[in-house]
Amino acid sequence: MRLDGRINPVRGDLASQALEGLVRAPRFAKPSTLTVLTAGAAIRAAPNPRSEQVDELLFGETFDVLQDSGGFVWGQARRDGYVGWIEASSLTPAAPPPTHWIATLRTFAYAEPSIKSPATGPYSLNSLVSVTEIAGAMARVTHAGWMPRSHLARIGCGHISPARAARAFLGAPYLWGGRNSLGLDCSGLVQQALYAAGRACPRDSDQQAALGAPAPTALRRGDLVAWRGHIGLMLDGRRLIHANAHHMAVAIEPLARAITRIREGGGGEPTAYRRL
């Protein structure tokens, strides 16, 4: 059986213990779970800071480590299942489970419960945080500092529509493999929009193109439109929002114009219209 290496932690020399009996490997490893303590951390195709960024972890997300090679660890992101290498310095073994998520596009963490104190960040929408103390309008977050309470929502609460969440990223620069408000790609935008709506979502556009059910001819707000290697989300029956390399940013354009431009650029016709 051939497994998708993007979401199955298996290599020629090593595989996750969870795959024992399903794949051949000379060694199976039991994962150890670490948590991201930086605002963002690239998942790379190889243990090299110059290697391709294939995904990104946000603050508070967890990573199941299967191999430690010194400066990098190899394993699988628990939230979206992506497999790759991440710098070990971005992770910590001691983190309580999240109690809240960041429900605004981005926020800062302060050294003290005062907006005049030194700040770190910014931390992006959908980051996961553990609140341990409240002081007025501020909340103490483990491994970060004090964040504005109004920027946080309890896990399972505060969700917004995918279209509204996607629109908040308008103008954010395009970044291959990115998932945060300072830079993201087409599937990163769709994933973050669905996370903000309280929905699970895979990482890549071909995986996302299988979500939901085929959309009727008349598209509406929240529908997905996919091409080979690209995906966007409808703001209404006519306009598409997508992170794309033509604008090098998250942009809104008429779907008809996007279809024509992508076709003329060699990207073909849409491959799927999906309703969630």
C-alpha atoms as a PDB file:
ATOM      1  CA  MET A   1       0.000   0.000   0.000  1.00  0.00           C
ATOM      2  CA  ARG A   2       1.420   3.377  -1.038  1.00  0.00           C
ATOM      3  CA  LEU A   3       0.708   6.120   1.493  1.00  0.00           C
ATOM      4  CA  ASP A   4       0.716   9.865   0.916  1.00  0.00           C
ATOM      5  CA  GLY A   5       4.026  10.965   2.397  1.00  0.00           C
ATOM      6  CA  ARG A   6       2.685  14.455   3.098  1.00  0.00           C
ATOM      7  CA  ILE A   7       0.410  13.149   5.832  1.00  0.00           C
ATOM      8  CA  ASN A   8       1.917   9.760   6.718  1.00  0.00           C
ATOM      9  CA  PRO A   9       5.171   9.763   8.702  1.00  0.00           C
ATOM     10  CA  VAL A  10       7.071   7.080   6.830  1.00  0.00           C
ATOM     11  CA  ARG A  11      10.505   7.127   5.170  1.00  0.00           C
ATOM     12  CA  GLY A  12      12.812   4.430   3.850  1.00  0.00           C
ATOM     13  CA  ASP A  13      14.554   4.206   7.213  1.00  0.00           C
ATOM     14  CA  LEU A  14      11.853   5.122   9.718  1.00  0.00           C
ATOM     15  CA  ALA A  15       8.107   5.178  10.284  1.00  0.00           C
ATOM     16  CA  SER A  16       5.711   6.086  13.042  1.00  0.00           C
ATOM     17  CA  GLN A  17       4.709   3.341  15.432  1.00  0.00           C
ATOM     18  CA  ALA A  18       1.111   4.036  14.376  1.00  0.00           C
ATOM     19  CA  LEU A  19       1.937   2.621  10.909  1.00  0.00           C
ATOM     20  CA  GLU A  20       3.375  -0.670  12.141  1.00  0.00           C
ATOM     21  CA  GLY A  21       1.723  -3.503  10.253  1.00  0.00           C
ATOM     22  CA  LEU A  22       0.746  -1.167   7.407  1.00  0.00           C
ATOM     23  CA  VAL A  23       4.139  -0.317   5.948  1.00  0.00           C
ATOM     24  CA  ARG A  24       7.607  -1.824   5.865  1.00  0.00           C
ATOM     25  CA  ALA A  25      10.311   0.028   7.724  1.00  0.00           C
ATOM     26  CA  PRO A  26      13.530  -1.037   9.434  1.00  0.00           C
ATOM     27  CA  ARG A  27      12.520   0.932  12.520  1.00  0.00           C
ATOM     28  CA  PHE A  28       9.286   2.206  14.046  1.00  0.00           C
ATOM     29  CA  ALA A  29       9.400   5.108  16.489  1.00  0.00           C
ATOM     30  CA  LYS A  30       7.012   6.170  19.209  1.00  0.00           C
ATOM     31  CA  PRO A  31       6.306   9.917  18.871  1.00  0.00           C
ATOM     32  CA  SER A  32       7.010  12.453  21.583  1.00  0.00           C
ATOM     33  CA  THR A  33       4.776  15.520  21.474  1.00  0.00           C
ATOM     34  CA  LEU A  34       6.238  19.034  21.557  1.00  0.00           C
ATOM     35  CA  THR A  35       4.508  22.421  21.352  1.00  0.00           C
ATOM     36  CA  VAL A  36       5.438  25.486  19.308  1.00  0.00           C
ATOM     37  CA  LEU A  37       6.604  28.396  21.469  1.00  0.00           C
ATOM     38  CA  THR A  38       7.368  30.871  18.685  1.00  0.00           C
ATOM     39  CA  ALA A  39       4.811  32.918  16.747  1.00  0.00           C
ATOM     40  CA  GLY A  40       5.391  30.700  13.715  1.00  0.00           C
ATOM     41  CA  ALA A  41       7.707  27.846  12.765  1.00  0.00           C
ATOM     42  CA  ALA A  42       8.347  26.536   9.260  1.00  0.00           C
ATOM     43  CA  ILE A  43       7.946  22.853   8.480  1.00  0.00           C
ATOM     44  CA  ARG A  44      10.572  22.079   5.836  1.00  0.00           C
ATOM     45  CA  ALA A  45      11.163  19.311   3.315  1.00  0.00           C
ATOM     46  CA  ALA A  46      14.682  18.674   4.672  1.00  0.00           C
ATOM     47  CA  PRO A  47      16.623  19.463   7.871  1.00  0.00           C
ATOM     48  CA  ASN A  48      18.067  22.661   6.465  1.00  0.00           C
ATOM     49  CA  PRO A  49      16.930  26.255   7.035  1.00  0.00           C
ATOM     50  CA  ARG A  50      17.218  26.851   3.266  1.00  0.00           C
ATOM     51  CA  SER A  51      15.018  23.882   2.370  1.00  0.00           C
ATOM     52  CA  GLU A  52      11.518  24.343   0.931  1.00  0.00           C
ATOM     53  CA  GLN A  53       8.867  25.387   3.438  1.00  0.00           C
ATOM     54  CA  VAL A  54       6.012  22.904   2.980  1.00  0.00           C
ATOM     55  CA  ASP A  55       3.859  24.010   5.907  1.00  0.00           C
ATOM     56  CA  GLU A  56       4.001  26.101   9.051  1.00  0.00           C
ATOM     57  CA  LEU A  57       3.081  25.654  12.680  1.00  0.00           C
ATOM     58  CA  LEU A  58       1.499  28.462  14.666  1.00  0.00           C
ATOM     59  CA  PHE A  59       2.067  29.243  18.327  1.00  0.00           C
ATOM     60  CA  GLY A  60       0.579  26.567  20.583  1.00  0.00           C
ATOM     61  CA  GLU A  61       0.178  23.911  17.895  1.00  0.00           C
ATOM     62  CA  THR A  62       1.718  20.511  18.571  1.00  0.00           C
ATOM     63  CA  PHE A  63       4.226  18.404  16.662  1.00  0.00           C
ATOM     64  CA  ASP A  64       4.773  14.664  17.118  1.00  0.00           C
ATOM     65  CA  VAL A  65       8.537  14.118  16.939  1.00  0.00           C
ATOM     66  CA  LEU A  66       9.871  10.836  15.569  1.00  0.00           C
ATOM     67  CA  GLN A  67      13.529  11.737  15.049  1.00  0.00           C
ATOM     68  CA  ASP A  68      15.868  14.330  16.545  1.00  0.00           C
ATOM     69  CA  SER A  69      18.837  15.151  14.340  1.00  0.00           C
ATOM     70  CA  GLY A  70      20.202  17.927  16.528  1.00  0.00           C
ATOM     71  CA  GLY A  71      19.050  21.280  15.224  1.00  0.00           C
ATOM     72  CA  PHE A  72      15.992  19.817  13.470  1.00  0.00           C
ATOM     73  CA  VAL A  73      13.365  17.238  14.363  1.00  0.00           C
ATOM     74  CA  TRP A  74      11.293  15.136  11.966  1.00  0.00           C
ATOM     75  CA  GLY A  75       7.686  14.238  12.584  1.00  0.00           C
ATOM     76  CA  GLN A  76       4.077  15.196  12.018  1.00  0.00           C
ATOM     77  CA  ALA A  77       1.971  18.262  12.806  1.00  0.00           C
ATOM     78  CA  ARG A  78      -0.925  17.096  14.904  1.00  0.00           C
ATOM     79  CA  ARG A  79      -3.451  19.716  13.758  1.00  0.00           C
ATOM     80  CA  ASP A  80      -3.275  19.268   9.983  1.00  0.00           C
ATOM     81  CA  GLY A  81      -1.238  16.065   9.803  1.00  0.00           C
ATOM     82  CA  TYR A  82       1.616  17.416   7.694  1.00  0.00           C
ATOM     83  CA  VAL A  83       4.983  15.658   7.846  1.00  0.00           C
ATOM     84  CA  GLY A  84       8.369  17.322   7.689  1.00  0.00           C
ATOM     85  CA  TRP A  85      11.300  18.879   9.519  1.00  0.00           C
ATOM     86  CA  ILE A  86      11.138  21.739  12.003  1.00  0.00           C
ATOM     87  CA  GLU A  87      13.821  23.564  13.970  1.00  0.00           C
ATOM     88  CA  ALA A  88      14.014  22.104  17.449  1.00  0.00           C
ATOM     89  CA  SER A  89      14.526  25.536  19.013  1.00  0.00           C
ATOM     90  CA  SER A  90      10.931  26.438  18.047  1.00  0.00           C
ATOM     91  CA  LEU A  91       9.477  23.688  20.245  1.00  0.00           C
ATOM     92  CA  THR A  92       9.062  22.996  23.943  1.00  0.00           C
ATOM     93  CA  PRO A  93       8.103  19.789  25.770  1.00  0.00           C
ATOM     94  CA  ALA A  94       6.331  21.547  28.631  1.00  0.00           C
ATOM     95  CA  ALA A  95       3.030  23.087  27.568  1.00  0.00           C
ATOM     96  CA  PRO A  96      -0.449  22.721  29.056  1.00  0.00           C
ATOM     97  CA  PRO A  97      -3.378  22.035  26.720  1.00  0.00           C
ATOM     98  CA  PRO A  98      -4.880  25.138  25.096  1.00  0.00           C
ATOM     99  CA  THR A  99      -7.843  26.861  26.708  1.00  0.00           C
ATOM    100  CA  HIS A 100      -8.319  29.599  24.083  1.00  0.00           C
ATOM    101  CA  TRP A 101      -7.480  30.495  20.490  1.00  0.00           C
ATOM    102  CA  ILE A 102      -6.477  33.829  18.991  1.00  0.00           C
ATOM    103  CA  ALA A 103      -9.655  35.122  17.367  1.00  0.00           C
ATOM    104  CA  THR A 104      -8.287  38.289  15.767  1.00  0.00           C
ATOM    105  CA  LEU A 105      -6.024  38.553  12.731  1.00  0.00           C
ATOM    106  CA  ARG A 106      -2.955  39.127  14.883  1.00  0.00           C
ATOM    107  CA  THR A 107      -2.026  40.218  18.383  1.00  0.00           C
ATOM    108  CA  PHE A 108       0.977  40.841  20.628  1.00  0.00           C
ATOM    109  CA  ALA A 109       2.035  39.385  23.948  1.00  0.00           C
ATOM    110  CA  TYR A 110       3.308  41.781  26.621  1.00  0.00           C
ATOM    111  CA  ALA A 111       5.822  41.184  29.396  1.00  0.00           C
ATOM    112  CA  GLU A 112       3.406  42.647  31.952  1.00  0.00           C
ATOM    113  CA  PRO A 113      -0.389  43.197  31.986  1.00  0.00           C
ATOM    114  CA  SER A 114       0.203  46.618  30.444  1.00  0.00           C
ATOM    115  CA  ILE A 115       0.279  47.650  26.796  1.00  0.00           C
ATOM    116  CA  LYS A 116       3.281  49.856  27.644  1.00  0.00           C
ATOM    117  CA  SER A 117       5.461  46.871  28.571  1.00  0.00           C
ATOM    118  CA  PRO A 118       7.778  45.156  26.048  1.00  0.00           C
ATOM    119  CA  ALA A 119       5.910  43.105  23.454  1.00  0.00           C
ATOM    120  CA  THR A 120       6.633  39.995  21.389  1.00  0.00           C
ATOM    121  CA  GLY A 121       4.883  38.671  18.302  1.00  0.00           C
ATOM    122  CA  PRO A 122       2.775  39.234  16.408  1.00  0.00           C
ATOM    123  CA  TYR A 123       0.824  36.030  17.005  1.00  0.00           C
ATOM    124  CA  SER A 124      -1.611  35.075  14.289  1.00  0.00           C
ATOM    125  CA  LEU A 125      -5.269  34.111  14.037  1.00  0.00           C
ATOM    126  CA  ASN A 126      -5.966  30.501  15.114  1.00  0.00           C
ATOM    127  CA  SER A 127      -2.892  30.217  17.315  1.00  0.00           C
ATOM    128  CA  LEU A 128      -3.636  28.135  20.414  1.00  0.00           C
ATOM    129  CA  VAL A 129      -3.014  29.531  23.888  1.00  0.00           C
ATOM    130  CA  SER A 130      -3.335  28.431  27.492  1.00  0.00           C
ATOM    131  CA  VAL A 131      -4.652  31.183  29.775  1.00  0.00           C
ATOM    132  CA  THR A 132      -3.502  30.896  33.391  1.00  0.00           C
ATOM    133  CA  GLU A 133      -4.450  34.274  34.880  1.00  0.00           C
ATOM    134  CA  ILE A 134      -6.691  37.275  34.228  1.00  0.00           C
ATOM    135  CA  ALA A 135      -5.795  40.864  35.137  1.00  0.00           C
ATOM    136  CA  GLY A 136      -8.384  43.348  33.939  1.00  0.00           C
ATOM    137  CA  ALA A 137      -8.390  43.435  30.163  1.00  0.00           C
ATOM    138  CA  MET A 138      -5.330  41.187  29.882  1.00  0.00           C
ATOM    139  CA  ALA A 139      -4.822  37.416  30.070  1.00  0.00           C
ATOM    140  CA  ARG A 140      -1.566  35.662  30.934  1.00  0.00           C
ATOM    141  CA  VAL A 141      -0.662  33.076  28.292  1.00  0.00           C
ATOM    142  CA  THR A 142       1.829  30.291  28.967  1.00  0.00           C
ATOM    143  CA  HIS A 143       5.146  30.721  27.087  1.00  0.00           C
ATOM    144  CA  ALA A 144       4.113  34.095  25.654  1.00  0.00           C
ATOM    145  CA  GLY A 145       3.080  36.760  28.163  1.00  0.00           C
ATOM    146  CA  TRP A 146      -0.015  38.902  28.545  1.00  0.00           C
ATOM    147  CA  MET A 147      -2.462  39.169  25.640  1.00  0.00           C
ATOM    148  CA  PRO A 148      -5.612  41.309  25.317  1.00  0.00           C
ATOM    149  CA  ARG A 149      -8.585  39.259  26.484  1.00  0.00           C
ATOM    150  CA  SER A 150     -10.686  40.714  23.675  1.00  0.00           C
ATOM    151  CA  HIS A 151      -8.367  39.029  21.153  1.00  0.00           C
ATOM    152  CA  LEU A 152      -8.968  35.556  22.587  1.00  0.00           C
ATOM    153  CA  ALA A 153     -11.900  33.143  22.460  1.00  0.00           C
ATOM    154  CA  ARG A 154     -12.430  29.961  24.420  1.00  0.00           C
ATOM    155  CA  ILE A 155     -11.818  26.738  22.530  1.00  0.00           C
ATOM    156  CA  GLY A 156     -15.063  25.868  20.743  1.00  0.00           C
ATOM    157  CA  CYS A 157     -16.435  29.421  20.909  1.00  0.00           C
ATOM    158  CA  GLY A 158     -16.229  32.676  18.953  1.00  0.00           C
ATOM    159  CA  HIS A 159     -16.263  31.199  15.469  1.00  0.00           C
ATOM    160  CA  ILE A 160     -16.954  33.329  12.394  1.00  0.00           C
ATOM    161  CA  SER A 161     -17.842  32.465   8.801  1.00  0.00           C
ATOM    162  CA  PRO A 162     -15.027  31.275   6.510  1.00  0.00           C
ATOM    163  CA  ALA A 163     -15.663  34.167   4.105  1.00  0.00           C
ATOM    164  CA  ARG A 164     -15.386  36.746   6.863  1.00  0.00           C
ATOM    165  CA  ALA A 165     -12.199  35.157   8.169  1.00  0.00           C
ATOM    166  CA  ALA A 166     -10.646  34.994   4.697  1.00  0.00           C
ATOM    167  CA  ARG A 167     -11.457  38.649   4.057  1.00  0.00           C
ATOM    168  CA  ALA A 168      -9.507  39.633   7.167  1.00  0.00           C
ATOM    169  CA  PHE A 169      -6.344  38.435   5.373  1.00  0.00           C
ATOM    170  CA  LEU A 170      -6.896  40.763   2.388  1.00  0.00           C
ATOM    171  CA  GLY A 171      -3.554  42.210   1.316  1.00  0.00           C
ATOM    172  CA  ALA A 172      -1.445  39.703   3.257  1.00  0.00           C
ATOM    173  CA  PRO A 173       1.593  38.795   1.139  1.00  0.00           C
ATOM    174  CA  TYR A 174       1.771  35.467  -0.656  1.00  0.00           C
ATOM    175  CA  LEU A 175       4.200  33.010   0.947  1.00  0.00           C
ATOM    176  CA  TRP A 176       4.632  29.422  -0.187  1.00  0.00           C
ATOM    177  CA  GLY A 177       3.923  27.094   2.744  1.00  0.00           C
ATOM    178  CA  GLY A 178       2.782  29.958   4.984  1.00  0.00           C
ATOM    179  CA  ARG A 179      -0.232  29.833   7.290  1.00  0.00           C
ATOM    180  CA  ASN A 180      -0.062  33.092   9.218  1.00  0.00           C
ATOM    181  CA  SER A 181      -1.324  36.644   8.803  1.00  0.00           C
ATOM    182  CA  LEU A 182       2.081  37.936   7.681  1.00  0.00           C
ATOM    183  CA  GLY A 183       2.343  35.515   4.755  1.00  0.00           C
ATOM    184  CA  LEU A 184       0.412  32.514   3.442  1.00  0.00           C
ATOM    185  CA  ASP A 185      -0.424  30.572   0.306  1.00  0.00           C
ATOM    186  CA  CYS A 186      -3.750  29.666  -1.286  1.00  0.00           C
ATOM    187  CA  SER A 187      -4.441  26.560   0.763  1.00  0.00           C
ATOM    188  CA  GLY A 188      -3.095  28.248   3.884  1.00  0.00           C
ATOM    189  CA  LEU A 189      -5.754  30.942   3.483  1.00  0.00           C
ATOM    190  CA  VAL A 190      -8.569  28.412   3.030  1.00  0.00           C
ATOM    191  CA  GLN A 191      -7.338  26.383   5.975  1.00  0.00           C
ATOM    192  CA  GLN A 192      -7.159  29.379   8.301  1.00  0.00           C
ATOM    193  CA  ALA A 193     -10.603  30.551   7.175  1.00  0.00           C
ATOM    194  CA  LEU A 194     -12.104  27.158   8.015  1.00  0.00           C
ATOM    195  CA  TYR A 195     -10.259  26.918  11.326  1.00  0.00           C
ATOM    196  CA  ALA A 196     -11.720  30.297  12.313  1.00  0.00           C
ATOM    197  CA  ALA A 197     -15.139  28.838  11.520  1.00  0.00           C
ATOM    198  CA  GLY A 198     -14.500  25.899  13.842  1.00  0.00           C
ATOM    199  CA  ARG A 199     -13.922  23.366  11.059  1.00  0.00           C
ATOM    200  CA  ALA A 200     -11.066  20.939  10.555  1.00  0.00           C
ATOM    201  CA  CYS A 201      -9.210  21.368   7.269  1.00  0.00           C
ATOM    202  CA  PRO A 202      -6.316  19.587   5.536  1.00  0.00           C
ATOM    203  CA  ARG A 203      -3.288  21.512   4.328  1.00  0.00           C
ATOM    204  CA  ASP A 204      -3.031  21.269   0.549  1.00  0.00           C
ATOM    205  CA  SER A 205      -5.366  22.432  -2.211  1.00  0.00           C
ATOM    206  CA  ASP A 206      -5.964  18.972  -3.689  1.00  0.00           C
ATOM    207  CA  GLN A 207      -7.001  17.710  -0.258  1.00  0.00           C
ATOM    208  CA  GLN A 208      -9.274  20.711   0.296  1.00  0.00           C
ATOM    209  CA  ALA A 209     -10.873  20.193  -3.134  1.00  0.00           C
ATOM    210  CA  ALA A 210     -12.418  16.991  -1.748  1.00  0.00           C
ATOM    211  CA  LEU A 211     -14.150  18.750   1.163  1.00  0.00           C
ATOM    212  CA  GLY A 212     -17.927  19.071   1.295  1.00  0.00           C
ATOM    213  CA  ALA A 213     -20.003  18.177  -1.738  1.00  0.00           C
ATOM    214  CA  PRO A 214     -20.179  19.374  -5.353  1.00  0.00           C
ATOM    215  CA  ALA A 215     -21.574  22.902  -5.480  1.00  0.00           C
ATOM    216  CA  PRO A 216     -24.572  23.717  -7.682  1.00  0.00           C
ATOM    217  CA  THR A 217     -24.072  25.871 -10.767  1.00  0.00           C
ATOM    218  CA  ALA A 218     -25.068  28.990  -8.836  1.00  0.00           C
ATOM    219  CA  LEU A 219     -22.190  29.588  -6.435  1.00  0.00           C
ATOM    220  CA  ARG A 220     -22.643  31.366  -3.112  1.00  0.00           C
ATOM    221  CA  ARG A 221     -20.643  32.801  -0.225  1.00  0.00           C
ATOM    222  CA  GLY A 222     -18.313  30.220   1.307  1.00  0.00           C
ATOM    223  CA  ASP A 223     -18.073  27.871  -1.686  1.00  0.00           C
ATOM    224  CA  LEU A 224     -14.616  26.658  -2.725  1.00  0.00           C
ATOM    225  CA  VAL A 225     -13.237  26.822  -6.260  1.00  0.00           C
ATOM    226  CA  ALA A 226     -10.214  24.648  -7.036  1.00  0.00           C
ATOM    227  CA  TRP A 227      -7.774  24.396  -9.915  1.00  0.00           C
ATOM    228  CA  ARG A 228      -4.831  22.066 -10.347  1.00  0.00           C
ATOM    229  CA  GLY A 229      -2.571  23.323  -7.554  1.00  0.00           C
ATOM    230  CA  HIS A 230      -4.721  26.276  -6.533  1.00  0.00           C
ATOM    231  CA  ILE A 231      -7.841  27.047  -4.498  1.00  0.00           C
ATOM    232  CA  GLY A 232      -9.927  30.023  -3.420  1.00  0.00           C
ATOM    233  CA  LEU A 233     -13.116  30.863  -1.556  1.00  0.00           C
ATOM    234  CA  MET A 234     -16.180  32.714  -2.822  1.00  0.00           C
ATOM    235  CA  LEU A 235     -17.195  35.915  -1.045  1.00  0.00           C
ATOM    236  CA  ASP A 236     -20.534  35.863  -2.875  1.00  0.00           C
ATOM    237  CA  GLY A 237     -21.865  34.449  -6.132  1.00  0.00           C
ATOM    238  CA  ARG A 238     -19.383  36.459  -8.211  1.00  0.00           C
ATOM    239  CA  ARG A 239     -16.204  37.333  -6.316  1.00  0.00           C
ATOM    240  CA  LEU A 240     -13.334  35.058  -5.293  1.00  0.00           C
ATOM    241  CA  ILE A 241     -10.800  35.685  -2.534  1.00  0.00           C
ATOM    242  CA  HIS A 242      -7.519  33.817  -2.824  1.00  0.00           C
ATOM    243  CA  ALA A 243      -3.843  34.051  -2.002  1.00  0.00           C
ATOM    244  CA  ASN A 244      -2.110  33.879  -5.347  1.00  0.00           C
ATOM    245  CA  ALA A 245       1.257  34.357  -7.012  1.00  0.00           C
ATOM    246  CA  HIS A 246      -0.177  36.715  -9.672  1.00  0.00           C
ATOM    247  CA  HIS A 247      -0.985  39.419  -7.123  1.00  0.00           C
ATOM    248  CA  MET A 248       1.623  38.018  -4.675  1.00  0.00           C
ATOM    249  CA  ALA A 249      -0.991  38.675  -2.012  1.00  0.00           C
ATOM    250  CA  VAL A 250      -4.448  37.768  -0.810  1.00  0.00           C
ATOM    251  CA  ALA A 251      -6.705  39.450  -3.346  1.00  0.00           C
ATOM    252  CA  ILE A 252     -10.366  39.687  -4.336  1.00  0.00           C
ATOM    253  CA  GLU A 253     -11.293  39.445  -7.996  1.00  0.00           C
ATOM    254  CA  PRO A 254     -14.282  38.397 -10.087  1.00  0.00           C
ATOM    255  CA  LEU A 255     -14.277  34.609 -10.484  1.00  0.00           C
ATOM    256  CA  ALA A 256     -14.726  34.946 -14.251  1.00  0.00           C
ATOM    257  CA  ARG A 257     -11.579  37.087 -14.475  1.00  0.00           C
ATOM    258  CA  ALA A 258      -9.600  34.614 -12.354  1.00  0.00           C
ATOM    259  CA  ILE A 259     -10.740  31.696 -14.516  1.00  0.00           C
ATOM    260  CA  THR A 260      -9.669  33.485 -17.696  1.00  0.00           C
ATOM    261  CA  ARG A 261      -6.340  34.625 -16.288  1.00  0.00           C
ATOM    262  CA  ILE A 262      -5.436  31.193 -14.896  1.00  0.00           C
ATOM    263  CA  ARG A 263      -6.456  29.469 -18.140  1.00  0.00           C
ATOM    264  CA  GLU A 264      -4.375  31.880 -20.224  1.00  0.00           C
ATOM    265  CA  GLY A 265      -1.443  31.360 -17.865  1.00  0.00           C
ATOM    266  CA  GLY A 266      -1.498  27.608 -18.451  1.00  0.00           C
ATOM    267  CA  GLY A 267      -3.270  26.633 -15.223  1.00  0.00           C
ATOM    268  CA  GLY A 268      -6.269  25.080 -16.927  1.00  0.00           C
ATOM    269  CA  GLU A 269      -9.918  25.217 -15.952  1.00  0.00           C
ATOM    270  CA  PRO A 270     -11.313  24.819 -12.426  1.00  0.00           C
ATOM    271  CA  THR A 271     -11.258  21.189 -11.346  1.00  0.00           C
ATOM    272  CA  ALA A 272     -13.833  21.415  -8.547  1.00  0.00           C
ATOM    273  CA  TYR A 273     -16.562  23.600  -7.120  1.00  0.00           C
ATOM    274  CA  ARG A 274     -17.334  22.552  -3.546  1.00  0.00           C
ATOM    275  CA  ARG A 275     -19.992  23.504  -1.030  1.00  0.00           C
ATOM    276  CA  LEU A 276     -19.122  22.983   2.623  1.00  0.00           C
END
